[in-house]
Protein backbone atom coordinates (compact mmCIF):
# COMPACT_ATOMS: atom_id res chain seq x y z
CA MET A 1 -45.23 -15.48 12.43
CA LYS A 2 -42.85 -13.71 10.10
CA LYS A 3 -41.56 -15.74 7.19
CA ILE A 4 -37.81 -15.54 6.63
CA LYS A 5 -37.02 -14.73 3.03
CA LYS A 6 -34.55 -16.92 1.21
CA ILE A 7 -32.59 -16.50 -2.01
CA LYS A 8 -31.17 -19.13 -4.32
CA ILE A 9 -27.67 -18.61 -5.72
CA LYS A 10 -25.10 -20.75 -7.49
CA ILE A 11 -21.58 -21.10 -6.11
CA ASN A 12 -19.16 -22.83 -8.47
CA GLY A 13 -22.15 -24.48 -10.17
CA LYS A 14 -23.83 -25.73 -6.96
CA VAL A 15 -27.16 -24.29 -5.85
CA LYS A 16 -27.28 -22.85 -2.33
CA ILE A 17 -30.24 -21.46 -0.43
CA LEU A 18 -29.30 -18.51 1.76
CA PRO A 19 -31.08 -15.93 3.89
CA ALA A 20 -32.08 -12.83 1.94
CA ARG A 21 -29.90 -9.75 2.42
CA ILE A 22 -26.69 -11.69 3.07
CA ASN A 23 -23.64 -9.86 1.80
CA LEU A 24 -20.69 -11.38 0.01
CA SER A 25 -18.42 -10.89 3.02
CA LYS A 26 -20.70 -12.97 5.30
CA LEU A 27 -20.96 -15.68 2.65
CA VAL A 28 -17.16 -15.94 2.38
CA ILE A 29 -16.88 -16.17 6.18
CA ASN A 30 -19.64 -18.82 6.38
CA LEU A 31 -17.93 -20.92 3.70
CA LYS A 32 -14.57 -20.56 5.52
CA ILE A 33 -12.90 -19.33 2.36
CA PRO A 34 -9.39 -17.83 2.75
CA VAL A 35 -10.05 -14.46 1.07
CA LYS A 36 -6.37 -13.77 0.42
CA LYS A 37 -6.03 -16.98 -1.60
CA VAL A 38 -9.04 -16.70 -3.91
CA ALA A 39 -10.55 -14.60 -6.66
CA ILE A 40 -14.30 -14.02 -6.41
CA GLU A 41 -16.45 -13.48 -9.46
CA LEU A 42 -20.08 -12.38 -9.19
CA ASN A 43 -22.18 -12.68 -12.35
CA GLN A 44 -19.02 -12.82 -14.49
CA GLU A 45 -17.45 -9.75 -12.87
CA ILE A 46 -14.35 -9.99 -10.67
CA ILE A 47 -15.07 -8.40 -7.31
CA ASP A 48 -12.65 -6.10 -5.48
CA LYS A 49 -12.22 -7.68 -2.05
CA LYS A 50 -12.55 -4.27 -0.38
CA ARG A 51 -16.18 -4.20 -1.56
CA LEU A 52 -17.28 -7.61 -0.25
CA SER A 53 -19.28 -6.23 2.69
CA LYS A 54 -21.07 -3.71 0.46
CA ILE A 55 -22.37 -6.26 -2.06
CA VAL A 56 -25.71 -7.78 -1.07
CA LEU A 57 -26.51 -11.01 -2.88
CA LYS A 58 -29.69 -11.32 -4.93
CA ASN A 59 -31.75 -14.27 -6.07
CA ASN A 60 -30.13 -16.20 -8.96
CA ASP A 61 -26.69 -14.59 -8.53
CA LYS A 62 -23.86 -16.75 -9.87
CA ILE A 63 -20.62 -16.81 -7.90
CA GLU A 64 -17.38 -18.41 -8.97
CA ILE A 65 -14.62 -18.75 -6.40
CA VAL A 66 -11.22 -19.61 -7.82
CA HIS A 67 -8.38 -20.72 -5.54
CA PHE A 68 -4.85 -19.63 -6.40
CA ILE A 69 -2.44 -22.53 -6.57
CA GLY A 70 1.29 -21.98 -6.16
CA GLY A 71 3.94 -24.03 -7.81
CA GLY A 72 6.20 -24.00 -10.77
């Protein structure tokens, strides 16, 4: 039986266990995050949303997702 590899990451300070080789795009979809209304930071670097599918998450990555709030 083949063991499925897992990685541990932090999203907004909360630990999540995910399958290895998941990319940032799949994570955003799984979390039902409205991409147009957030900024995504990976290990203290803001990520260009065009690159989400190219970025494969690694063990101990830290992700911050910041929602834009309108108003005035």
